[in-house]
């Protein structure tokens, strides 16, 4: 009966838009209400991810024999919007992020004060940035409509991030503050770079390489945060605001992202350097 019930629920997409509007309209942000809303949409994220993965591959096949769209203006607007949203979000989170670390220590940033980070102006920023994981799928549709290479790392990263962000928001995982904050900083720089590129502004190739390195450092930073949380809670037995399933999913997310981004970096940049060295050697000969 449970399988039948799940199957029937999967056929219906439910999105509580009116409740979301009320949450965003409240004068004082209510994390518990926002958390419940996220928790109620766990199935929704799975449905959307399935539709996303299927649709991007269908569109890719559909575009195979067709002329690519340019989409210059929409891409410029999109990149600028994401850069601004990420920058404003990072600025809103900064006071609490730094204050907790300085005044209460690193353990507090990964194990407690969850309510502080998820409340007030910074809490609104966290909620909005978490919601934004859904429209970030637009990135992929730009890729397939423009007939650019669709990499596994790209759509896997978007799909898994949506699910774990919404699921983790509704469960206990204070160490996610590090992932959310650092990611907002990197997105600010990365989408600013994309915006400038979309304006045909020539930037040194080193910039793209440094952004990829920053993403890898981000996952190392998250790896340490999750590892630290795991050690002090499960091995040392210290009290920690933690949800077991969320910590497991975060481990899977971070390790897979770290592997994929390192592999991407090595394939893109090291092979390019090796090829350039071969060309130079050939010319010398």
C-alpha atoms as a PDB file:
ATOM      1  CA  UNK A   1       0.000   0.000   0.000  1.00  0.00           C
ATOM      2  CA  UNK A   2       2.846   2.366   0.796  1.00  0.00           C
ATOM      3  CA  UNK A   3       4.396   1.723  -2.628  1.00  0.00           C
ATOM      4  CA  UNK A   4       1.057   2.382  -4.310  1.00  0.00           C
ATOM      5  CA  UNK A   5       0.623   5.573  -2.278  1.00  0.00           C
ATOM      6  CA  UNK A   6       4.108   6.797  -3.228  1.00  0.00           C
ATOM      7  CA  UNK A   7       3.455   5.992  -6.892  1.00  0.00           C
ATOM      8  CA  UNK A   8       0.212   7.963  -6.873  1.00  0.00           C
ATOM      9  CA  UNK A   9       1.904  10.884  -5.092  1.00  0.00           C
ATOM     10  CA  UNK A  10       4.721  10.900  -7.650  1.00  0.00           C
ATOM     11  CA  UNK A  11       2.120  11.481 -10.355  1.00  0.00           C
ATOM     12  CA  UNK A  12       0.937  14.703  -8.699  1.00  0.00           C
ATOM     13  CA  UNK A  13       3.230  17.712  -8.443  1.00  0.00           C
ATOM     14  CA  UNK A  14       2.335  19.856  -5.440  1.00  0.00           C
ATOM     15  CA  UNK A  15       3.921  23.252  -4.859  1.00  0.00           C
ATOM     16  CA  UNK A  16       2.583  25.435  -2.045  1.00  0.00           C
ATOM     17  CA  UNK A  17       3.108  28.811  -3.719  1.00  0.00           C
ATOM     18  CA  UNK A  18       0.654  30.727  -1.516  1.00  0.00           C
ATOM     19  CA  UNK A  19       2.378  29.529   1.664  1.00  0.00           C
ATOM     20  CA  UNK A  20       5.767  30.482   0.212  1.00  0.00           C
ATOM     21  CA  UNK A  21       4.562  34.014  -0.498  1.00  0.00           C
ATOM     22  CA  UNK A  22       3.265  34.328   3.071  1.00  0.00           C
ATOM     23  CA  UNK A  23       6.625  33.184   4.471  1.00  0.00           C
ATOM     24  CA  UNK A  24       8.494  35.786   2.430  1.00  0.00           C
ATOM     25  CA  UNK A  25       6.006  38.517   3.338  1.00  0.00           C
ATOM     26  CA  UNK A  26       6.298  38.061   7.114  1.00  0.00           C
ATOM     27  CA  UNK A  27       7.837  41.048   8.882  1.00  0.00           C
ATOM     28  CA  UNK A  28       9.981  38.776  11.060  1.00  0.00           C
ATOM     29  CA  UNK A  29      11.347  35.758   9.237  1.00  0.00           C
ATOM     30  CA  UNK A  30      10.048  32.495  10.720  1.00  0.00           C
ATOM     31  CA  UNK A  31      12.602  29.728  10.220  1.00  0.00           C
ATOM     32  CA  UNK A  32      10.332  27.009  11.613  1.00  0.00           C
ATOM     33  CA  UNK A  33       7.609  27.865   9.114  1.00  0.00           C
ATOM     34  CA  UNK A  34      10.131  28.020   6.268  1.00  0.00           C
ATOM     35  CA  UNK A  35      11.692  24.740   7.400  1.00  0.00           C
ATOM     36  CA  UNK A  36       8.307  23.000   7.382  1.00  0.00           C
ATOM     37  CA  UNK A  37       7.644  24.345   3.882  1.00  0.00           C
ATOM     38  CA  UNK A  38      10.951  22.894   2.679  1.00  0.00           C
ATOM     39  CA  UNK A  39      10.219  19.583   4.391  1.00  0.00           C
ATOM     40  CA  UNK A  40       6.823  19.400   2.694  1.00  0.00           C
ATOM     41  CA  UNK A  41       8.543  19.704  -0.690  1.00  0.00           C
ATOM     42  CA  UNK A  42      11.016  16.805  -0.461  1.00  0.00           C
ATOM     43  CA  UNK A  43       8.975  14.754  -2.932  1.00  0.00           C
ATOM     44  CA  UNK A  44       8.632  17.833  -5.139  1.00  0.00           C
ATOM     45  CA  UNK A  45      12.433  18.113  -5.461  1.00  0.00           C
ATOM     46  CA  UNK A  46      12.646  14.471  -6.576  1.00  0.00           C
ATOM     47  CA  UNK A  47       9.913  15.024  -9.162  1.00  0.00           C
ATOM     48  CA  UNK A  48      11.561  18.180 -10.468  1.00  0.00           C
ATOM     49  CA  UNK A  49      14.986  16.527 -10.662  1.00  0.00           C
ATOM     50  CA  UNK A  50      13.538  13.656 -12.713  1.00  0.00           C
ATOM     51  CA  UNK A  51      11.804  16.098 -15.075  1.00  0.00           C
ATOM     52  CA  UNK A  52      14.978  18.182 -15.299  1.00  0.00           C
ATOM     53  CA  UNK A  53      17.274  15.279 -16.197  1.00  0.00           C
ATOM     54  CA  UNK A  54      14.833  13.830 -18.744  1.00  0.00           C
ATOM     55  CA  UNK A  55      14.003  17.178 -20.356  1.00  0.00           C
ATOM     56  CA  UNK A  56      17.582  18.402 -20.833  1.00  0.00           C
ATOM     57  CA  UNK A  57      18.525  15.190 -22.637  1.00  0.00           C
ATOM     58  CA  UNK A  58      15.378  15.306 -24.765  1.00  0.00           C
ATOM     59  CA  UNK A  59      16.090  18.926 -25.711  1.00  0.00           C
ATOM     60  CA  UNK A  60      19.703  18.026 -26.461  1.00  0.00           C
ATOM     61  CA  UNK A  61      18.518  15.340 -28.904  1.00  0.00           C
ATOM     62  CA  UNK A  62      15.865  17.681 -30.335  1.00  0.00           C
ATOM     63  CA  UNK A  63      18.494  20.354 -31.043  1.00  0.00           C
ATOM     64  CA  UNK A  64      20.904  17.945 -32.724  1.00  0.00           C
ATOM     65  CA  UNK A  65      19.777  18.793 -36.284  1.00  0.00           C
ATOM     66  CA  UNK A  66      18.648  22.346 -35.537  1.00  0.00           C
ATOM     67  CA  UNK A  67      20.326  25.734 -35.437  1.00  0.00           C
ATOM     68  CA  UNK A  68      21.552  26.753 -31.987  1.00  0.00           C
ATOM     69  CA  UNK A  69      19.869  29.638 -30.187  1.00  0.00           C
ATOM     70  CA  UNK A  70      22.086  32.610 -29.301  1.00  0.00           C
ATOM     71  CA  UNK A  71      20.199  33.800 -26.176  1.00  0.00           C
ATOM     72  CA  UNK A  72      22.769  36.545 -25.592  1.00  0.00           C
ATOM     73  CA  UNK A  73      20.542  39.009 -23.735  1.00  0.00           C
ATOM     74  CA  UNK A  74      18.753  36.411 -21.527  1.00  0.00           C
ATOM     75  CA  UNK A  75      22.135  34.988 -20.520  1.00  0.00           C
ATOM     76  CA  UNK A  76      23.502  38.432 -19.680  1.00  0.00           C
ATOM     77  CA  UNK A  77      20.461  39.219 -17.526  1.00  0.00           C
ATOM     78  CA  UNK A  78      20.611  35.809 -15.854  1.00  0.00           C
ATOM     79  CA  UNK A  79      24.313  35.964 -15.002  1.00  0.00           C
ATOM     80  CA  UNK A  80      24.018  39.480 -13.600  1.00  0.00           C
ATOM     81  CA  UNK A  81      20.942  38.541 -11.544  1.00  0.00           C
ATOM     82  CA  UNK A  82      22.620  35.483  -9.988  1.00  0.00           C
ATOM     83  CA  UNK A  83      25.815  37.444  -9.262  1.00  0.00           C
ATOM     84  CA  UNK A  84      23.872  40.227  -7.522  1.00  0.00           C
ATOM     85  CA  UNK A  85      21.640  37.830  -5.585  1.00  0.00           C
ATOM     86  CA  UNK A  86      24.647  35.807  -4.400  1.00  0.00           C
ATOM     87  CA  UNK A  87      26.573  38.936  -3.425  1.00  0.00           C
ATOM     88  CA  UNK A  88      23.676  40.409  -1.454  1.00  0.00           C
ATOM     89  CA  UNK A  89      23.075  37.034   0.196  1.00  0.00           C
ATOM     90  CA  UNK A  90      26.726  36.656   1.205  1.00  0.00           C
ATOM     91  CA  UNK A  91      26.759  40.191   2.630  1.00  0.00           C
ATOM     92  CA  UNK A  92      23.625  39.463   4.678  1.00  0.00           C
ATOM     93  CA  UNK A  93      25.109  36.251   6.114  1.00  0.00           C
ATOM     94  CA  UNK A  94      28.560  37.676   6.901  1.00  0.00           C
ATOM     95  CA  UNK A  95      27.875  39.326  10.326  1.00  0.00           C
ATOM     96  CA  UNK A  96      26.443  36.185  11.952  1.00  0.00           C
ATOM     97  CA  UNK A  97      28.944  33.883  10.246  1.00  0.00           C
ATOM     98  CA  UNK A  98      31.969  35.820  11.505  1.00  0.00           C
ATOM     99  CA  UNK A  99      30.451  36.616  14.903  1.00  0.00           C
ATOM    100  CA  UNK A 100      29.664  32.985  15.760  1.00  0.00           C
ATOM    101  CA  UNK A 101      33.105  31.796  14.689  1.00  0.00           C
ATOM    102  CA  UNK A 102      34.943  34.553  16.603  1.00  0.00           C
ATOM    103  CA  UNK A 103      32.839  34.561  19.771  1.00  0.00           C
ATOM    104  CA  UNK A 104      31.853  30.915  20.158  1.00  0.00           C
ATOM    105  CA  UNK A 105      34.522  29.019  18.250  1.00  0.00           C
ATOM    106  CA  UNK A 106      34.549  26.652  15.289  1.00  0.00           C
ATOM    107  CA  UNK A 107      32.631  23.897  17.103  1.00  0.00           C
ATOM    108  CA  UNK A 108      29.659  26.233  17.454  1.00  0.00           C
ATOM    109  CA  UNK A 109      29.615  26.876  13.710  1.00  0.00           C
ATOM    110  CA  UNK A 110      29.181  23.180  12.942  1.00  0.00           C
ATOM    111  CA  UNK A 111      27.203  21.974  15.932  1.00  0.00           C
ATOM    112  CA  UNK A 112      24.999  24.722  17.333  1.00  0.00           C
ATOM    113  CA  UNK A 113      23.537  28.221  16.932  1.00  0.00           C
ATOM    114  CA  UNK A 114      21.581  26.895  13.990  1.00  0.00           C
ATOM    115  CA  UNK A 115      18.690  29.208  14.809  1.00  0.00           C
ATOM    116  CA  UNK A 116      20.966  32.277  14.713  1.00  0.00           C
ATOM    117  CA  UNK A 117      22.200  31.571  11.200  1.00  0.00           C
ATOM    118  CA  UNK A 118      18.728  30.733   9.902  1.00  0.00           C
ATOM    119  CA  UNK A 119      16.940  33.735  11.414  1.00  0.00           C
ATOM    120  CA  UNK A 120      16.833  37.483  10.812  1.00  0.00           C
ATOM    121  CA  UNK A 121      18.112  39.119   7.635  1.00  0.00           C
ATOM    122  CA  UNK A 122      20.763  36.446   7.180  1.00  0.00           C
ATOM    123  CA  UNK A 123      18.089  33.790   7.567  1.00  0.00           C
ATOM    124  CA  UNK A 124      16.064  35.324   4.744  1.00  0.00           C
ATOM    125  CA  UNK A 125      19.192  35.254   2.568  1.00  0.00           C
ATOM    126  CA  UNK A 126      19.802  31.578   3.378  1.00  0.00           C
ATOM    127  CA  UNK A 127      16.186  30.718   2.554  1.00  0.00           C
ATOM    128  CA  UNK A 128      16.190  32.639  -0.743  1.00  0.00           C
ATOM    129  CA  UNK A 129      19.532  31.181  -1.835  1.00  0.00           C
ATOM    130  CA  UNK A 130      18.225  27.704  -1.021  1.00  0.00           C
ATOM    131  CA  UNK A 131      15.072  28.356  -3.051  1.00  0.00           C
ATOM    132  CA  UNK A 132      17.262  29.604  -5.910  1.00  0.00           C
ATOM    133  CA  UNK A 133      18.674  26.113  -6.406  1.00  0.00           C
ATOM    134  CA  UNK A 134      15.548  25.421  -8.464  1.00  0.00           C
ATOM    135  CA  UNK A 135      15.781  28.274 -11.026  1.00  0.00           C
ATOM    136  CA  UNK A 136      19.520  27.559 -11.303  1.00  0.00           C
ATOM    137  CA  UNK A 137      18.438  24.729 -13.616  1.00  0.00           C
ATOM    138  CA  UNK A 138      18.092  27.503 -16.213  1.00  0.00           C
ATOM    139  CA  UNK A 139      21.879  27.297 -16.647  1.00  0.00           C
ATOM    140  CA  UNK A 140      21.523  23.845 -18.177  1.00  0.00           C
ATOM    141  CA  UNK A 141      18.706  24.817 -20.523  1.00  0.00           C
ATOM    142  CA  UNK A 142      20.910  27.620 -21.848  1.00  0.00           C
ATOM    143  CA  UNK A 143      23.595  25.017 -22.557  1.00  0.00           C
ATOM    144  CA  UNK A 144      21.407  22.571 -24.489  1.00  0.00           C
ATOM    145  CA  UNK A 145      19.531  25.290 -26.405  1.00  0.00           C
ATOM    146  CA  UNK A 146      22.861  26.778 -27.503  1.00  0.00           C
ATOM    147  CA  UNK A 147      24.159  23.287 -28.391  1.00  0.00           C
ATOM    148  CA  UNK A 148      27.106  23.528 -26.021  1.00  0.00           C
ATOM    149  CA  UNK A 149      28.650  20.350 -24.517  1.00  0.00           C
ATOM    150  CA  UNK A 150      26.462  18.965 -21.712  1.00  0.00           C
ATOM    151  CA  UNK A 151      28.818  17.575 -19.084  1.00  0.00           C
ATOM    152  CA  UNK A 152      27.767  15.046 -16.448  1.00  0.00           C
ATOM    153  CA  UNK A 153      29.390  17.172 -13.740  1.00  0.00           C
ATOM    154  CA  UNK A 154      27.101  20.075 -14.673  1.00  0.00           C
ATOM    155  CA  UNK A 155      23.665  18.456 -14.507  1.00  0.00           C
ATOM    156  CA  UNK A 156      24.562  16.059 -11.677  1.00  0.00           C
ATOM    157  CA  UNK A 157      25.798  18.985  -9.585  1.00  0.00           C
ATOM    158  CA  UNK A 158      22.612  20.993 -10.168  1.00  0.00           C
ATOM    159  CA  UNK A 159      20.272  18.043  -9.571  1.00  0.00           C
ATOM    160  CA  UNK A 160      21.884  16.780  -6.356  1.00  0.00           C
ATOM    161  CA  UNK A 161      22.355  20.288  -4.968  1.00  0.00           C
ATOM    162  CA  UNK A 162      18.652  21.093  -5.288  1.00  0.00           C
ATOM    163  CA  UNK A 163      17.610  17.929  -3.483  1.00  0.00           C
ATOM    164  CA  UNK A 164      20.126  18.066  -0.647  1.00  0.00           C
ATOM    165  CA  UNK A 165      19.743  21.835  -0.134  1.00  0.00           C
ATOM    166  CA  UNK A 166      15.982  21.665   0.319  1.00  0.00           C
ATOM    167  CA  UNK A 167      16.142  18.432   2.310  1.00  0.00           C
ATOM    168  CA  UNK A 168      18.981  19.666   4.520  1.00  0.00           C
ATOM    169  CA  UNK A 169      17.282  22.998   5.181  1.00  0.00           C
ATOM    170  CA  UNK A 170      14.369  21.245   6.864  1.00  0.00           C
ATOM    171  CA  UNK A 171      16.632  19.029   9.005  1.00  0.00           C
ATOM    172  CA  UNK A 172      19.326  19.535  11.614  1.00  0.00           C
ATOM    173  CA  UNK A 173      22.691  20.339  10.037  1.00  0.00           C
ATOM    174  CA  UNK A 174      24.393  23.510  11.380  1.00  0.00           C
ATOM    175  CA  UNK A 175      27.617  22.777   9.466  1.00  0.00           C
ATOM    176  CA  UNK A 176      25.725  23.600   6.264  1.00  0.00           C
ATOM    177  CA  UNK A 177      26.328  27.270   7.123  1.00  0.00           C
ATOM    178  CA  UNK A 178      29.856  26.855   5.718  1.00  0.00           C
ATOM    179  CA  UNK A 179      28.627  25.369   2.441  1.00  0.00           C
ATOM    180  CA  UNK A 180      25.922  28.008   1.982  1.00  0.00           C
ATOM    181  CA  UNK A 181      28.138  30.973   2.843  1.00  0.00           C
ATOM    182  CA  UNK A 182      31.231  29.996   0.865  1.00  0.00           C
ATOM    183  CA  UNK A 183      29.118  28.942  -2.112  1.00  0.00           C
ATOM    184  CA  UNK A 184      27.443  32.367  -2.153  1.00  0.00           C
ATOM    185  CA  UNK A 185      30.865  34.041  -2.251  1.00  0.00           C
ATOM    186  CA  UNK A 186      32.068  31.838  -5.102  1.00  0.00           C
ATOM    187  CA  UNK A 187      28.840  32.280  -7.068  1.00  0.00           C
ATOM    188  CA  UNK A 188      29.244  36.047  -6.765  1.00  0.00           C
ATOM    189  CA  UNK A 189      32.653  35.879  -8.432  1.00  0.00           C
ATOM    190  CA  UNK A 190      31.785  33.105 -10.885  1.00  0.00           C
ATOM    191  CA  UNK A 191      28.589  34.640 -12.270  1.00  0.00           C
ATOM    192  CA  UNK A 192      30.235  38.066 -12.418  1.00  0.00           C
ATOM    193  CA  UNK A 193      32.881  36.419 -14.592  1.00  0.00           C
ATOM    194  CA  UNK A 194      30.174  34.797 -16.749  1.00  0.00           C
ATOM    195  CA  UNK A 195      28.434  38.162 -17.074  1.00  0.00           C
ATOM    196  CA  UNK A 196      31.601  39.901 -18.249  1.00  0.00           C
ATOM    197  CA  UNK A 197      32.277  37.080 -20.711  1.00  0.00           C
ATOM    198  CA  UNK A 198      28.719  37.380 -22.072  1.00  0.00           C
ATOM    199  CA  UNK A 199      29.484  41.063 -22.756  1.00  0.00           C
ATOM    200  CA  UNK A 200      32.446  39.899 -24.895  1.00  0.00           C
ATOM    201  CA  UNK A 201      34.918  41.370 -22.410  1.00  0.00           C
ATOM    202  CA  UNK A 202      38.216  39.537 -22.725  1.00  0.00           C
ATOM    203  CA  UNK A 203      39.554  38.293 -19.400  1.00  0.00           C
ATOM    204  CA  UNK A 204      42.781  36.359 -18.746  1.00  0.00           C
ATOM    205  CA  UNK A 205      42.302  32.586 -19.083  1.00  0.00           C
ATOM    206  CA  UNK A 206      43.810  32.312 -15.607  1.00  0.00           C
ATOM    207  CA  UNK A 207      40.560  33.693 -14.131  1.00  0.00           C
ATOM    208  CA  UNK A 208      38.505  30.654 -15.191  1.00  0.00           C
ATOM    209  CA  UNK A 209      41.184  28.365 -13.820  1.00  0.00           C
ATOM    210  CA  UNK A 210      41.247  30.183 -10.471  1.00  0.00           C
ATOM    211  CA  UNK A 211      37.451  29.929 -10.206  1.00  0.00           C
ATOM    212  CA  UNK A 212      37.654  26.151 -10.653  1.00  0.00           C
ATOM    213  CA  UNK A 213      40.399  26.010  -8.009  1.00  0.00           C
ATOM    214  CA  UNK A 214      38.190  28.073  -5.675  1.00  0.00           C
ATOM    215  CA  UNK A 215      35.365  25.569  -6.173  1.00  0.00           C
ATOM    216  CA  UNK A 216      37.684  22.689  -5.288  1.00  0.00           C
ATOM    217  CA  UNK A 217      38.891  24.553  -2.179  1.00  0.00           C
ATOM    218  CA  UNK A 218      35.227  25.092  -1.280  1.00  0.00           C
ATOM    219  CA  UNK A 219      34.593  21.339  -1.274  1.00  0.00           C
ATOM    220  CA  UNK A 220      37.747  20.757   0.800  1.00  0.00           C
ATOM    221  CA  UNK A 221      36.451  23.351   3.270  1.00  0.00           C
ATOM    222  CA  UNK A 222      33.076  21.581   3.438  1.00  0.00           C
ATOM    223  CA  UNK A 223      34.869  18.228   3.764  1.00  0.00           C
ATOM    224  CA  UNK A 224      36.648  19.521   6.861  1.00  0.00           C
ATOM    225  CA  UNK A 225      33.421  20.935   8.333  1.00  0.00           C
ATOM    226  CA  UNK A 226      31.484  17.689   7.847  1.00  0.00           C
ATOM    227  CA  UNK A 227      34.442  15.605   9.009  1.00  0.00           C
ATOM    228  CA  UNK A 228      34.859  17.747  12.122  1.00  0.00           C
ATOM    229  CA  UNK A 229      31.146  17.408  12.885  1.00  0.00           C
ATOM    230  CA  UNK A 230      31.272  13.638  12.414  1.00  0.00           C
ATOM    231  CA  UNK A 231      34.280  13.223  14.717  1.00  0.00           C
ATOM    232  CA  UNK A 232      33.104  15.384  17.621  1.00  0.00           C
ATOM    233  CA  UNK A 233      29.563  13.994  17.556  1.00  0.00           C
ATOM    234  CA  UNK A 234      29.892  10.315  16.635  1.00  0.00           C
ATOM    235  CA  UNK A 235      33.397   9.537  17.921  1.00  0.00           C
ATOM    236  CA  UNK A 236      33.767  11.950  20.848  1.00  0.00           C
ATOM    237  CA  UNK A 237      30.103  11.868  21.863  1.00  0.00           C
ATOM    238  CA  UNK A 238      29.669  15.628  22.143  1.00  0.00           C
ATOM    239  CA  UNK A 239      26.127  17.001  21.780  1.00  0.00           C
ATOM    240  CA  UNK A 240      25.494  18.328  18.302  1.00  0.00           C
ATOM    241  CA  UNK A 241      22.383  19.514  16.470  1.00  0.00           C
ATOM    242  CA  UNK A 242      22.495  16.865  13.813  1.00  0.00           C
ATOM    243  CA  UNK A 243      20.274  14.824  11.520  1.00  0.00           C
ATOM    244  CA  UNK A 244      21.861  11.473  10.609  1.00  0.00           C
ATOM    245  CA  UNK A 245      20.455  11.247   7.078  1.00  0.00           C
ATOM    246  CA  UNK A 246      21.523  14.806   6.290  1.00  0.00           C
ATOM    247  CA  UNK A 247      25.122  14.180   7.347  1.00  0.00           C
ATOM    248  CA  UNK A 248      25.292  11.009   5.208  1.00  0.00           C
ATOM    249  CA  UNK A 249      23.883  12.826   2.175  1.00  0.00           C
ATOM    250  CA  UNK A 250      26.326  15.684   2.722  1.00  0.00           C
ATOM    251  CA  UNK A 251      29.234  13.240   2.754  1.00  0.00           C
ATOM    252  CA  UNK A 252      28.022  11.738  -0.536  1.00  0.00           C
ATOM    253  CA  UNK A 253      27.515  15.179  -2.042  1.00  0.00           C
ATOM    254  CA  UNK A 254      30.874  16.607  -1.028  1.00  0.00           C
ATOM    255  CA  UNK A 255      33.008  13.587  -1.922  1.00  0.00           C
ATOM    256  CA  UNK A 256      31.343  13.190  -5.317  1.00  0.00           C
ATOM    257  CA  UNK A 257      31.669  16.908  -6.084  1.00  0.00           C
ATOM    258  CA  UNK A 258      35.294  16.961  -4.962  1.00  0.00           C
ATOM    259  CA  UNK A 259      36.144  14.008  -7.195  1.00  0.00           C
ATOM    260  CA  UNK A 260      34.266  15.394 -10.211  1.00  0.00           C
ATOM    261  CA  UNK A 261      35.708  18.901  -9.958  1.00  0.00           C
ATOM    262  CA  UNK A 262      39.286  17.675  -9.469  1.00  0.00           C
ATOM    263  CA  UNK A 263      38.838  15.340 -12.444  1.00  0.00           C
ATOM    264  CA  UNK A 264      37.388  18.222 -14.490  1.00  0.00           C
ATOM    265  CA  UNK A 265      40.318  20.460 -13.556  1.00  0.00           C
ATOM    266  CA  UNK A 266      42.933  17.856 -14.442  1.00  0.00           C
ATOM    267  CA  UNK A 267      41.280  16.990 -17.752  1.00  0.00           C
ATOM    268  CA  UNK A 268      40.734  20.587 -18.804  1.00  0.00           C
ATOM    269  CA  UNK A 269      43.924  22.297 -17.675  1.00  0.00           C
ATOM    270  CA  UNK A 270      46.644  19.673 -17.258  1.00  0.00           C
ATOM    271  CA  UNK A 271      45.910  18.053 -20.623  1.00  0.00           C
ATOM    272  CA  UNK A 272      45.816  21.481 -22.232  1.00  0.00           C
ATOM    273  CA  UNK A 273      49.256  22.279 -20.808  1.00  0.00           C
ATOM    274  CA  UNK A 274      50.576  18.874 -21.911  1.00  0.00           C
ATOM    275  CA  UNK A 275      49.223  19.442 -25.426  1.00  0.00           C
ATOM    276  CA  UNK A 276      50.831  22.893 -25.598  1.00  0.00           C
ATOM    277  CA  UNK A 277      54.148  21.358 -24.495  1.00  0.00           C
ATOM    278  CA  UNK A 278      53.849  18.753 -27.266  1.00  0.00           C
ATOM    279  CA  UNK A 279      53.230  21.489 -29.838  1.00  0.00           C
ATOM    280  CA  UNK A 280      56.280  23.444 -28.631  1.00  0.00           C
ATOM    281  CA  UNK A 281      58.436  20.306 -28.745  1.00  0.00           C
ATOM    282  CA  UNK A 282      57.215  19.528 -32.268  1.00  0.00           C
ATOM    283  CA  UNK A 283      58.032  23.073 -33.426  1.00  0.00           C
ATOM    284  CA  UNK A 284      61.530  22.829 -31.932  1.00  0.00           C
ATOM    285  CA  UNK A 285      62.105  19.548 -33.772  1.00  0.00           C
END
